[in-house]
Amino acid sequence: MAQKIDIPLELFEKAVVGEDEKEHIASPNLTAFQDGWLRLKKNKAAVVSLAVLIVIFLLAIFGPIFSKYSYFVTDYQHTFQKPTMAHPFGTDQFGRDQWARIWQGTRISLLIATAAAFIDLFIGVTFGAVSALFGGKVDAVMQRIIEILVGIPQLIIVILLMMVMPAGVWTVVLALSITGWVNMARLVRAQILKLKNLEFVMAARILGTSSKGIILKHLIPNTVGVIVINVMFTIPSAIFTEAFLSFIGIGLAEPKASLGVLINNGYQVLQNYPHLLIFPAVIIVLIMVCFSILGDGLRDALDPRMRR
């Protein structure tokens, strides 16, 4: 049993604090995003992945523009050339410059993935927020819709739609978006169910804030971390699905360029000209790995429980 120790009052000295220092905050006042960015910068792998993705995005935007060769112009006198100073990634069976085609294909793949991710973001966040906030019969009906969509394999829906509609960029985006928003809706719903009974939401209701205002001003801003992380994993998944569809011949096709089309072309001549497969494969692997590492870093940076 611990012994009681009497400490003389003479040992205590009253601290003297000026009036201007009583309310002084020693550390700077940071928003959630600023605090998350400071913690993200401590994750070297995530920072390197972010830098690699920025370089890939810039090359996808400006690579075909500043190339002196067009990605679709054929030159049968320079077919199947190996990488040189003139053609850093070589040429294909039609003499087309692979540097321009790979970055054009990366641009198209990123466009498809980004568009599909934003559609999933809009539908999923709206659906999940409304379902969680209203609850009751509304939530029950909306969740049955999600269960039906989850019960149907996404790949089957995508393949059937691609077989019915003409192949094109926006057809692929539509195919990826039909059921792609379901996971986002379920995550947002689960997060908002935790938040909707908290004091700040009840105070907003008492002050007369509409349901739309509560969703937009209070609930969604407090689920941004979950939303951003899910988008980080949605984009590489969409890129892989587009590449798979193009590889099996039901996605984009020649003369259009995407990473899936380029990998399919390189696979056909793999034994003789492996560089036609290696370069687009390396790009798609870099994109998927970097998005995965960045998503893990953002999850740690934006999670309030990870703060020390």
C-alpha atoms as a PDB file:
ATOM      1  CA  MET A   1       0.000   0.000   0.000  1.00  0.00           C
ATOM      2  CA  ALA A   2       1.418   3.392  -1.008  1.00  0.00           C
ATOM      3  CA  GLN A   3       2.385   5.720   1.817  1.00  0.00           C
ATOM      4  CA  LYS A   4       0.965   9.220   2.020  1.00  0.00           C
ATOM      5  CA  ILE A   5       3.635  11.887   1.694  1.00  0.00           C
ATOM      6  CA  ASP A   6       2.992  15.375   3.029  1.00  0.00           C
ATOM      7  CA  ILE A   7       4.593  18.070   0.870  1.00  0.00           C
ATOM      8  CA  PRO A   8       5.057  21.483   2.522  1.00  0.00           C
ATOM      9  CA  LEU A   9       3.199  24.330   0.859  1.00  0.00           C
ATOM     10  CA  GLU A  10       6.386  26.400   0.906  1.00  0.00           C
ATOM     11  CA  LEU A  11       7.743  24.260  -1.930  1.00  0.00           C
ATOM     12  CA  PHE A  12       5.020  25.478  -4.299  1.00  0.00           C
ATOM     13  CA  GLU A  13       5.483  28.696  -6.219  1.00  0.00           C
ATOM     14  CA  LYS A  14       2.657  30.407  -8.079  1.00  0.00           C
ATOM     15  CA  ALA A  15       3.358  30.848 -11.794  1.00  0.00           C
ATOM     16  CA  VAL A  16       3.185  34.404 -13.082  1.00  0.00           C
ATOM     17  CA  VAL A  17       1.630  34.581 -16.601  1.00  0.00           C
ATOM     18  CA  GLY A  18       0.965  37.746 -18.516  1.00  0.00           C
ATOM     19  CA  GLU A  19      -2.543  38.551 -19.727  1.00  0.00           C
ATOM     20  CA  ASP A  20      -1.498  38.280 -23.387  1.00  0.00           C
ATOM     21  CA  GLU A  21      -0.125  34.769 -22.839  1.00  0.00           C
ATOM     22  CA  LYS A  22      -3.079  33.153 -21.079  1.00  0.00           C
ATOM     23  CA  GLU A  23      -4.919  32.320 -24.318  1.00  0.00           C
ATOM     24  CA  HIS A  24      -1.795  31.832 -26.391  1.00  0.00           C
ATOM     25  CA  ILE A  25      -1.693  28.620 -28.438  1.00  0.00           C
ATOM     26  CA  ALA A  26       1.857  27.333 -28.657  1.00  0.00           C
ATOM     27  CA  SER A  27       1.382  25.216 -31.786  1.00  0.00           C
ATOM     28  CA  PRO A  28      -0.107  26.593 -35.021  1.00  0.00           C
ATOM     29  CA  ASN A  29      -3.786  25.987 -35.672  1.00  0.00           C
ATOM     30  CA  LEU A  30      -3.967  23.437 -38.490  1.00  0.00           C
ATOM     31  CA  THR A  31      -6.898  22.125 -40.474  1.00  0.00           C
ATOM     32  CA  ALA A  32      -7.434  18.374 -40.861  1.00  0.00           C
ATOM     33  CA  PHE A  33      -5.916  18.455 -44.363  1.00  0.00           C
ATOM     34  CA  GLN A  34      -2.877  20.464 -43.241  1.00  0.00           C
ATOM     35  CA  ASP A  35      -2.286  18.075 -40.360  1.00  0.00           C
ATOM     36  CA  GLY A  36      -2.752  15.102 -42.690  1.00  0.00           C
ATOM     37  CA  TRP A  37      -0.273  16.541 -45.205  1.00  0.00           C
ATOM     38  CA  LEU A  38       2.349  17.056 -42.490  1.00  0.00           C
ATOM     39  CA  ARG A  39       2.000  13.432 -41.410  1.00  0.00           C
ATOM     40  CA  LEU A  40       1.921  12.199 -45.008  1.00  0.00           C
ATOM     41  CA  LYS A  41       5.268  13.885 -45.674  1.00  0.00           C
ATOM     42  CA  LYS A  42       6.813  11.739 -42.961  1.00  0.00           C
ATOM     43  CA  ASN A  43       5.911   8.624 -44.974  1.00  0.00           C
ATOM     44  CA  LYS A  44       8.774   8.466 -47.479  1.00  0.00           C
ATOM     45  CA  ALA A  45       7.237   5.662 -49.537  1.00  0.00           C
ATOM     46  CA  ALA A  46       3.988   7.610 -49.974  1.00  0.00           C
ATOM     47  CA  VAL A  47       5.853  10.792 -50.933  1.00  0.00           C
ATOM     48  CA  VAL A  48       7.945   8.932 -53.523  1.00  0.00           C
ATOM     49  CA  SER A  49       4.790   7.298 -54.908  1.00  0.00           C
ATOM     50  CA  LEU A  50       3.107  10.700 -55.158  1.00  0.00           C
ATOM     51  CA  ALA A  51       6.124  12.107 -57.023  1.00  0.00           C
ATOM     52  CA  VAL A  52       6.148   9.148 -59.451  1.00  0.00           C
ATOM     53  CA  LEU A  53       2.415   9.579 -60.126  1.00  0.00           C
ATOM     54  CA  ILE A  54       2.873  13.298 -60.783  1.00  0.00           C
ATOM     55  CA  VAL A  55       5.646  12.539 -63.288  1.00  0.00           C
ATOM     56  CA  ILE A  56       3.463   9.929 -65.015  1.00  0.00           C
ATOM     57  CA  PHE A  57       0.523  12.345 -65.165  1.00  0.00           C
ATOM     58  CA  LEU A  58       2.713  15.082 -66.656  1.00  0.00           C
ATOM     59  CA  LEU A  59       4.197  12.711 -69.240  1.00  0.00           C
ATOM     60  CA  ALA A  60       0.708  11.459 -70.129  1.00  0.00           C
ATOM     61  CA  ILE A  61      -0.430  15.041 -70.713  1.00  0.00           C
ATOM     62  CA  PHE A  62       2.619  16.517 -72.420  1.00  0.00           C
ATOM     63  CA  GLY A  63       4.493  13.453 -73.741  1.00  0.00           C
ATOM     64  CA  PRO A  64       2.483  13.054 -76.984  1.00  0.00           C
ATOM     65  CA  ILE A  65       2.314  16.837 -77.463  1.00  0.00           C
ATOM     66  CA  PHE A  66       6.063  17.423 -77.462  1.00  0.00           C
ATOM     67  CA  SER A  67       6.925  14.265 -79.386  1.00  0.00           C
ATOM     68  CA  LYS A  68       7.838  14.911 -83.026  1.00  0.00           C
ATOM     69  CA  TYR A  69       6.086  11.661 -83.962  1.00  0.00           C
ATOM     70  CA  SER A  70       2.346  11.102 -83.905  1.00  0.00           C
ATOM     71  CA  TYR A  71       0.930   8.127 -82.051  1.00  0.00           C
ATOM     72  CA  PHE A  72      -1.246   7.064 -85.006  1.00  0.00           C
ATOM     73  CA  VAL A  73       0.936   7.866 -88.069  1.00  0.00           C
ATOM     74  CA  THR A  74       2.384   4.719 -89.654  1.00  0.00           C
ATOM     75  CA  ASP A  75       5.877   4.376 -91.142  1.00  0.00           C
ATOM     76  CA  TYR A  76       6.392   0.963 -92.715  1.00  0.00           C
ATOM     77  CA  GLN A  77      10.080   1.665 -93.348  1.00  0.00           C
ATOM     78  CA  HIS A  78      10.811   1.685 -89.582  1.00  0.00           C
ATOM     79  CA  THR A  79       8.781  -1.237 -88.211  1.00  0.00           C
ATOM     80  CA  PHE A  80       9.789  -3.126 -85.069  1.00  0.00           C
ATOM     81  CA  GLN A  81      12.716  -0.877 -84.246  1.00  0.00           C
ATOM     82  CA  LYS A  82      14.396  -1.377 -80.902  1.00  0.00           C
ATOM     83  CA  PRO A  83      14.737   1.579 -78.493  1.00  0.00           C
ATOM     84  CA  THR A  84      16.952   4.329 -79.920  1.00  0.00           C
ATOM     85  CA  MET A  85      17.507   8.035 -79.318  1.00  0.00           C
ATOM     86  CA  ALA A  86      14.903   8.824 -81.995  1.00  0.00           C
ATOM     87  CA  HIS A  87      12.420   6.277 -80.628  1.00  0.00           C
ATOM     88  CA  PRO A  88      13.118   5.785 -76.883  1.00  0.00           C
ATOM     89  CA  PHE A  89      10.555   2.978 -76.607  1.00  0.00           C
ATOM     90  CA  GLY A  90      11.030   1.633 -80.156  1.00  0.00           C
ATOM     91  CA  THR A  91       8.359   1.250 -82.842  1.00  0.00           C
ATOM     92  CA  ASP A  92       5.561  -1.263 -83.391  1.00  0.00           C
ATOM     93  CA  GLN A  93       4.542  -3.409 -86.355  1.00  0.00           C
ATOM     94  CA  PHE A  94       3.252  -0.344 -88.210  1.00  0.00           C
ATOM     95  CA  GLY A  95       6.306   1.802 -87.525  1.00  0.00           C
ATOM     96  CA  ARG A  96       4.443   3.967 -85.007  1.00  0.00           C
ATOM     97  CA  ASP A  97       6.503   5.604 -82.283  1.00  0.00           C
ATOM     98  CA  GLN A  98       5.970   3.720 -79.018  1.00  0.00           C
ATOM     99  CA  TRP A  99       6.943   6.724 -76.876  1.00  0.00           C
ATOM    100  CA  ALA A 100       4.002   8.726 -78.207  1.00  0.00           C
ATOM    101  CA  ARG A 101       1.671   5.711 -78.157  1.00  0.00           C
ATOM    102  CA  ILE A 102       2.498   4.685 -74.596  1.00  0.00           C
ATOM    103  CA  TRP A 103       1.922   8.151 -73.158  1.00  0.00           C
ATOM    104  CA  GLN A 104      -1.206   8.590 -75.270  1.00  0.00           C
ATOM    105  CA  GLY A 105      -2.396   5.221 -73.979  1.00  0.00           C
ATOM    106  CA  THR A 106      -1.548   6.235 -70.419  1.00  0.00           C
ATOM    107  CA  ARG A 107      -3.558   9.428 -70.911  1.00  0.00           C
ATOM    108  CA  ILE A 108      -6.595   7.475 -72.115  1.00  0.00           C
ATOM    109  CA  SER A 109      -6.321   4.886 -69.316  1.00  0.00           C
ATOM    110  CA  LEU A 110      -6.010   7.624 -66.686  1.00  0.00           C
ATOM    111  CA  LEU A 111      -8.945   9.497 -68.251  1.00  0.00           C
ATOM    112  CA  ILE A 112     -11.123   6.385 -68.087  1.00  0.00           C
ATOM    113  CA  ALA A 113     -10.085   5.584 -64.521  1.00  0.00           C
ATOM    114  CA  THR A 114     -10.451   9.166 -63.262  1.00  0.00           C
ATOM    115  CA  ALA A 115     -13.862   9.649 -64.905  1.00  0.00           C
ATOM    116  CA  ALA A 116     -15.114   6.333 -63.527  1.00  0.00           C
ATOM    117  CA  ALA A 117     -13.768   7.214 -60.061  1.00  0.00           C
ATOM    118  CA  PHE A 118     -15.516  10.607 -60.008  1.00  0.00           C
ATOM    119  CA  ILE A 119     -18.808   9.054 -61.149  1.00  0.00           C
ATOM    120  CA  ASP A 120     -18.453   6.435 -58.407  1.00  0.00           C
ATOM    121  CA  LEU A 121     -17.621   9.244 -55.987  1.00  0.00           C
ATOM    122  CA  PHE A 122     -20.719  11.290 -56.833  1.00  0.00           C
ATOM    123  CA  ILE A 123     -23.215   8.407 -56.897  1.00  0.00           C
ATOM    124  CA  GLY A 124     -21.703   6.491 -53.990  1.00  0.00           C
ATOM    125  CA  VAL A 125     -21.393   9.456 -51.613  1.00  0.00           C
ATOM    126  CA  THR A 126     -24.905  10.718 -52.418  1.00  0.00           C
ATOM    127  CA  PHE A 127     -26.503   7.273 -52.149  1.00  0.00           C
ATOM    128  CA  GLY A 128     -24.700   6.343 -48.942  1.00  0.00           C
ATOM    129  CA  ALA A 129     -25.311   9.694 -47.245  1.00  0.00           C
ATOM    130  CA  VAL A 130     -29.038   9.755 -48.020  1.00  0.00           C
ATOM    131  CA  SER A 131     -29.449   6.128 -46.970  1.00  0.00           C
ATOM    132  CA  ALA A 132     -27.711   6.636 -43.623  1.00  0.00           C
ATOM    133  CA  LEU A 133     -29.261  10.005 -42.750  1.00  0.00           C
ATOM    134  CA  PHE A 134     -32.910   9.160 -43.455  1.00  0.00           C
ATOM    135  CA  GLY A 135     -32.767   5.578 -42.174  1.00  0.00           C
ATOM    136  CA  GLY A 136     -35.933   3.521 -41.686  1.00  0.00           C
ATOM    137  CA  LYS A 137     -37.762   2.375 -44.813  1.00  0.00           C
ATOM    138  CA  VAL A 138     -35.648   4.589 -47.063  1.00  0.00           C
ATOM    139  CA  ASP A 139     -32.473   2.944 -45.807  1.00  0.00           C
ATOM    140  CA  ALA A 140     -34.001  -0.537 -46.079  1.00  0.00           C
ATOM    141  CA  VAL A 141     -35.040  -0.054 -49.722  1.00  0.00           C
ATOM    142  CA  MET A 142     -31.719   1.529 -50.725  1.00  0.00           C
ATOM    143  CA  GLN A 143     -29.740  -1.263 -49.060  1.00  0.00           C
ATOM    144  CA  ARG A 144     -31.759  -3.914 -50.897  1.00  0.00           C
ATOM    145  CA  ILE A 145     -30.763  -2.217 -54.159  1.00  0.00           C
ATOM    146  CA  ILE A 146     -27.109  -2.411 -53.138  1.00  0.00           C
ATOM    147  CA  GLU A 147     -27.453  -6.074 -52.152  1.00  0.00           C
ATOM    148  CA  ILE A 148     -28.907  -6.905 -55.576  1.00  0.00           C
ATOM    149  CA  LEU A 149     -26.027  -5.162 -57.342  1.00  0.00           C
ATOM    150  CA  VAL A 150     -23.455  -6.823 -55.088  1.00  0.00           C
ATOM    151  CA  GLY A 151     -24.963 -10.217 -55.841  1.00  0.00           C
ATOM    152  CA  ILE A 152     -24.265  -9.820 -59.564  1.00  0.00           C
ATOM    153  CA  PRO A 153     -20.553 -10.190 -60.474  1.00  0.00           C
ATOM    154  CA  GLN A 154     -19.265  -6.850 -61.735  1.00  0.00           C
ATOM    155  CA  LEU A 155     -17.178  -8.427 -64.481  1.00  0.00           C
ATOM    156  CA  ILE A 156     -20.240 -10.107 -66.008  1.00  0.00           C
ATOM    157  CA  ILE A 157     -22.131  -6.797 -66.123  1.00  0.00           C
ATOM    158  CA  VAL A 158     -19.143  -5.017 -67.667  1.00  0.00           C
ATOM    159  CA  ILE A 159     -18.583  -7.709 -70.314  1.00  0.00           C
ATOM    160  CA  LEU A 160     -22.278  -7.838 -71.277  1.00  0.00           C
ATOM    161  CA  LEU A 161     -22.474  -4.063 -71.624  1.00  0.00           C
ATOM    162  CA  MET A 162     -19.264  -3.932 -73.673  1.00  0.00           C
ATOM    163  CA  MET A 163     -20.661  -6.587 -76.015  1.00  0.00           C
ATOM    164  CA  VAL A 164     -23.928  -4.671 -76.526  1.00  0.00           C
ATOM    165  CA  MET A 165     -22.574  -1.136 -76.897  1.00  0.00           C
ATOM    166  CA  PRO A 166     -19.923   0.050 -79.384  1.00  0.00           C
ATOM    167  CA  ALA A 167     -16.392   0.067 -78.002  1.00  0.00           C
ATOM    168  CA  GLY A 168     -15.231   3.493 -76.896  1.00  0.00           C
ATOM    169  CA  VAL A 169     -13.825   5.461 -73.993  1.00  0.00           C
ATOM    170  CA  TRP A 170     -17.171   6.485 -72.519  1.00  0.00           C
ATOM    171  CA  THR A 171     -18.614   3.013 -72.995  1.00  0.00           C
ATOM    172  CA  VAL A 172     -15.818   1.669 -70.798  1.00  0.00           C
ATOM    173  CA  VAL A 173     -16.449   4.450 -68.260  1.00  0.00           C
ATOM    174  CA  LEU A 174     -20.165   3.614 -68.159  1.00  0.00           C
ATOM    175  CA  ALA A 175     -19.429  -0.092 -67.807  1.00  0.00           C
ATOM    176  CA  LEU A 176     -17.081   0.517 -64.898  1.00  0.00           C
ATOM    177  CA  SER A 177     -19.519   2.909 -63.197  1.00  0.00           C
ATOM    178  CA  ILE A 178     -22.621   0.707 -63.179  1.00  0.00           C
ATOM    179  CA  THR A 179     -21.646  -1.151 -60.018  1.00  0.00           C
ATOM    180  CA  GLY A 180     -18.373   0.574 -59.126  1.00  0.00           C
ATOM    181  CA  TRP A 181     -20.078   3.029 -56.758  1.00  0.00           C
ATOM    182  CA  VAL A 182     -21.481   0.326 -54.464  1.00  0.00           C
ATOM    183  CA  ASN A 183     -18.390   0.015 -52.270  1.00  0.00           C
ATOM    184  CA  MET A 184     -18.185   3.795 -51.874  1.00  0.00           C
ATOM    185  CA  ALA A 185     -21.867   3.945 -50.868  1.00  0.00           C
ATOM    186  CA  ARG A 186     -21.433   1.273 -48.207  1.00  0.00           C
ATOM    187  CA  LEU A 187     -18.346   2.925 -46.717  1.00  0.00           C
ATOM    188  CA  VAL A 188     -19.984   6.374 -46.606  1.00  0.00           C
ATOM    189  CA  ARG A 189     -23.176   4.936 -45.092  1.00  0.00           C
ATOM    190  CA  ALA A 190     -21.236   3.162 -42.336  1.00  0.00           C
ATOM    191  CA  GLN A 191     -19.290   6.330 -41.532  1.00  0.00           C
ATOM    192  CA  ILE A 192     -22.365   8.573 -41.456  1.00  0.00           C
ATOM    193  CA  LEU A 193     -24.265   6.129 -39.245  1.00  0.00           C
ATOM    194  CA  LYS A 194     -21.556   6.787 -36.646  1.00  0.00           C
ATOM    195  CA  LEU A 195     -21.848  10.549 -37.043  1.00  0.00           C
ATOM    196  CA  LYS A 196     -25.539  11.312 -37.451  1.00  0.00           C
ATOM    197  CA  ASN A 197     -26.410  10.964 -33.751  1.00  0.00           C
ATOM    198  CA  LEU A 198     -23.513  13.062 -32.483  1.00  0.00           C
ATOM    199  CA  GLU A 199     -24.040  16.425 -30.810  1.00  0.00           C
ATOM    200  CA  PHE A 200     -23.024  18.655 -33.722  1.00  0.00           C
ATOM    201  CA  VAL A 201     -25.601  17.011 -36.029  1.00  0.00           C
ATOM    202  CA  MET A 202     -28.333  17.297 -33.384  1.00  0.00           C
ATOM    203  CA  ALA A 203     -27.416  20.957 -32.879  1.00  0.00           C
ATOM    204  CA  ALA A 204     -27.681  21.571 -36.622  1.00  0.00           C
ATOM    205  CA  ARG A 205     -31.161  20.005 -36.656  1.00  0.00           C
ATOM    206  CA  ILE A 206     -32.293  22.116 -33.712  1.00  0.00           C
ATOM    207  CA  LEU A 207     -31.063  25.254 -35.493  1.00  0.00           C
ATOM    208  CA  GLY A 208     -33.257  24.364 -38.476  1.00  0.00           C
ATOM    209  CA  THR A 209     -30.619  23.130 -40.937  1.00  0.00           C
ATOM    210  CA  SER A 210     -32.171  21.117 -43.758  1.00  0.00           C
ATOM    211  CA  SER A 211     -31.219  17.505 -44.464  1.00  0.00           C
ATOM    212  CA  LYS A 212     -29.333  18.650 -47.553  1.00  0.00           C
ATOM    213  CA  GLY A 213     -27.377  21.175 -45.495  1.00  0.00           C
ATOM    214  CA  ILE A 214     -26.552  18.596 -42.837  1.00  0.00           C
ATOM    215  CA  ILE A 215     -25.226  16.200 -45.502  1.00  0.00           C
ATOM    216  CA  LEU A 216     -23.204  18.810 -47.388  1.00  0.00           C
ATOM    217  CA  LYS A 217     -21.928  20.951 -44.500  1.00  0.00           C
ATOM    218  CA  HIS A 218     -21.524  18.485 -41.647  1.00  0.00           C
ATOM    219  CA  LEU A 219     -21.582  14.803 -42.587  1.00  0.00           C
ATOM    220  CA  ILE A 220     -19.661  14.617 -45.877  1.00  0.00           C
ATOM    221  CA  PRO A 221     -16.784  16.882 -44.693  1.00  0.00           C
ATOM    222  CA  ASN A 222     -16.295  14.502 -41.761  1.00  0.00           C
ATOM    223  CA  THR A 223     -16.066  11.491 -44.097  1.00  0.00           C
ATOM    224  CA  VAL A 224     -13.536  13.032 -46.501  1.00  0.00           C
ATOM    225  CA  GLY A 225     -10.764  10.771 -45.232  1.00  0.00           C
ATOM    226  CA  VAL A 226     -12.680   7.601 -46.090  1.00  0.00           C
ATOM    227  CA  ILE A 227     -13.742   9.039 -49.451  1.00  0.00           C
ATOM    228  CA  VAL A 228     -10.230  10.078 -50.515  1.00  0.00           C
ATOM    229  CA  ILE A 229      -8.730   6.736 -49.529  1.00  0.00           C
ATOM    230  CA  ASN A 230     -11.400   4.797 -51.423  1.00  0.00           C
ATOM    231  CA  VAL A 231     -10.834   6.921 -54.549  1.00  0.00           C
ATOM    232  CA  MET A 232      -7.096   6.172 -54.337  1.00  0.00           C
ATOM    233  CA  PHE A 233      -7.896   2.460 -54.605  1.00  0.00           C
ATOM    234  CA  THR A 234     -10.679   2.883 -57.179  1.00  0.00           C
ATOM    235  CA  ILE A 235      -8.452   4.495 -59.835  1.00  0.00           C
ATOM    236  CA  PRO A 236      -5.881   1.655 -60.140  1.00  0.00           C
ATOM    237  CA  SER A 237      -8.683  -0.909 -60.055  1.00  0.00           C
ATOM    238  CA  ALA A 238     -10.388   0.870 -62.974  1.00  0.00           C
ATOM    239  CA  ILE A 239      -7.088   1.030 -64.907  1.00  0.00           C
ATOM    240  CA  PHE A 240      -6.566  -2.707 -64.431  1.00  0.00           C
ATOM    241  CA  THR A 241     -10.145  -3.499 -65.499  1.00  0.00           C
ATOM    242  CA  GLU A 242      -9.811  -1.354 -68.641  1.00  0.00           C
ATOM    243  CA  ALA A 243      -6.491  -3.030 -69.479  1.00  0.00           C
ATOM    244  CA  PHE A 244      -8.042  -6.457 -68.967  1.00  0.00           C
ATOM    245  CA  LEU A 245     -11.038  -5.663 -71.194  1.00  0.00           C
ATOM    246  CA  SER A 246      -8.777  -4.319 -73.953  1.00  0.00           C
ATOM    247  CA  PHE A 247      -6.416  -7.286 -73.600  1.00  0.00           C
ATOM    248  CA  ILE A 248      -9.197  -9.833 -74.158  1.00  0.00           C
ATOM    249  CA  GLY A 249     -10.520  -7.828 -77.108  1.00  0.00           C
ATOM    250  CA  ILE A 250     -13.803  -6.340 -75.839  1.00  0.00           C
ATOM    251  CA  GLY A 251     -12.493  -2.955 -74.703  1.00  0.00           C
ATOM    252  CA  LEU A 252     -10.717  -0.353 -76.798  1.00  0.00           C
ATOM    253  CA  ALA A 253      -9.135  -1.559 -80.028  1.00  0.00           C
ATOM    254  CA  GLU A 254      -6.785  -0.355 -82.746  1.00  0.00           C
ATOM    255  CA  PRO A 255      -6.072   2.309 -83.871  1.00  0.00           C
ATOM    256  CA  LYS A 256      -6.957   3.710 -80.426  1.00  0.00           C
ATOM    257  CA  ALA A 257      -4.251   3.475 -77.803  1.00  0.00           C
ATOM    258  CA  SER A 258      -4.611   2.482 -74.174  1.00  0.00           C
ATOM    259  CA  LEU A 259      -2.349   0.534 -71.882  1.00  0.00           C
ATOM    260  CA  GLY A 260      -4.479  -2.559 -72.409  1.00  0.00           C
ATOM    261  CA  VAL A 261      -4.293  -2.239 -76.203  1.00  0.00           C
ATOM    262  CA  LEU A 262      -0.515  -1.751 -76.070  1.00  0.00           C
ATOM    263  CA  ILE A 263      -0.020  -4.749 -73.782  1.00  0.00           C
ATOM    264  CA  ASN A 264      -2.158  -6.865 -76.104  1.00  0.00           C
ATOM    265  CA  ASN A 265      -0.064  -5.787 -79.107  1.00  0.00           C
ATOM    266  CA  GLY A 266       3.167  -6.489 -77.246  1.00  0.00           C
ATOM    267  CA  TYR A 267       1.965  -9.905 -76.112  1.00  0.00           C
ATOM    268  CA  GLN A 268       1.448 -10.998 -79.707  1.00  0.00           C
ATOM    269  CA  VAL A 269       5.136 -10.421 -80.554  1.00  0.00           C
ATOM    270  CA  LEU A 270       6.573 -11.124 -77.102  1.00  0.00           C
ATOM    271  CA  GLN A 271       9.200 -13.661 -78.168  1.00  0.00           C
ATOM    272  CA  ASN A 272      10.790 -11.493 -80.849  1.00  0.00           C
ATOM    273  CA  TYR A 273      10.170  -7.959 -79.559  1.00  0.00           C
ATOM    274  CA  PRO A 274       9.698  -8.099 -75.758  1.00  0.00           C
ATOM    275  CA  HIS A 275      10.188  -4.334 -75.345  1.00  0.00           C
ATOM    276  CA  LEU A 276       6.743  -3.730 -76.886  1.00  0.00           C
ATOM    277  CA  LEU A 277       5.227  -5.489 -73.860  1.00  0.00           C
ATOM    278  CA  ILE A 278       7.724  -4.506 -71.174  1.00  0.00           C
ATOM    279  CA  PHE A 279       7.351  -0.715 -71.399  1.00  0.00           C
ATOM    280  CA  PRO A 280       3.524  -0.472 -71.131  1.00  0.00           C
ATOM    281  CA  ALA A 281       3.540  -3.235 -68.500  1.00  0.00           C
ATOM    282  CA  VAL A 282       6.048  -1.277 -66.390  1.00  0.00           C
ATOM    283  CA  ILE A 283       3.884   1.858 -66.649  1.00  0.00           C
ATOM    284  CA  ILE A 284       0.713   0.084 -65.523  1.00  0.00           C
ATOM    285  CA  VAL A 285       2.562  -1.663 -62.673  1.00  0.00           C
ATOM    286  CA  LEU A 286       4.038   1.664 -61.513  1.00  0.00           C
ATOM    287  CA  ILE A 287       0.613   3.313 -61.548  1.00  0.00           C
ATOM    288  CA  MET A 288      -1.071   0.533 -59.579  1.00  0.00           C
ATOM    289  CA  VAL A 289       1.733   0.110 -57.030  1.00  0.00           C
ATOM    290  CA  CYS A 290       2.121   3.872 -56.464  1.00  0.00           C
ATOM    291  CA  PHE A 291      -1.626   4.394 -56.008  1.00  0.00           C
ATOM    292  CA  SER A 292      -1.715   1.485 -53.554  1.00  0.00           C
ATOM    293  CA  ILE A 293       1.205   2.843 -51.487  1.00  0.00           C
ATOM    294  CA  LEU A 294      -0.218   6.381 -51.606  1.00  0.00           C
ATOM    295  CA  GLY A 295      -3.621   5.084 -50.509  1.00  0.00           C
ATOM    296  CA  ASP A 296      -2.052   3.336 -47.510  1.00  0.00           C
ATOM    297  CA  GLY A 297      -0.153   6.527 -46.666  1.00  0.00           C
ATOM    298  CA  LEU A 298      -3.300   8.653 -46.887  1.00  0.00           C
ATOM    299  CA  ARG A 299      -5.183   6.189 -44.722  1.00  0.00           C
ATOM    300  CA  ASP A 300      -2.582   6.569 -41.980  1.00  0.00           C
ATOM    301  CA  ALA A 301      -2.308  10.345 -42.442  1.00  0.00           C
ATOM    302  CA  LEU A 302      -6.045  11.092 -42.425  1.00  0.00           C
ATOM    303  CA  ASP A 303      -7.002   8.642 -39.672  1.00  0.00           C
ATOM    304  CA  PRO A 304      -7.476  10.641 -36.430  1.00  0.00           C
ATOM    305  CA  ARG A 305      -6.549   7.536 -34.394  1.00  0.00           C
ATOM    306  CA  MET A 306      -3.035   7.648 -35.896  1.00  0.00           C
ATOM    307  CA  ARG A 307      -2.319  11.073 -34.394  1.00  0.00           C
ATOM    308  CA  ARG A 308       0.163  11.149 -31.562  1.00  0.00           C
END
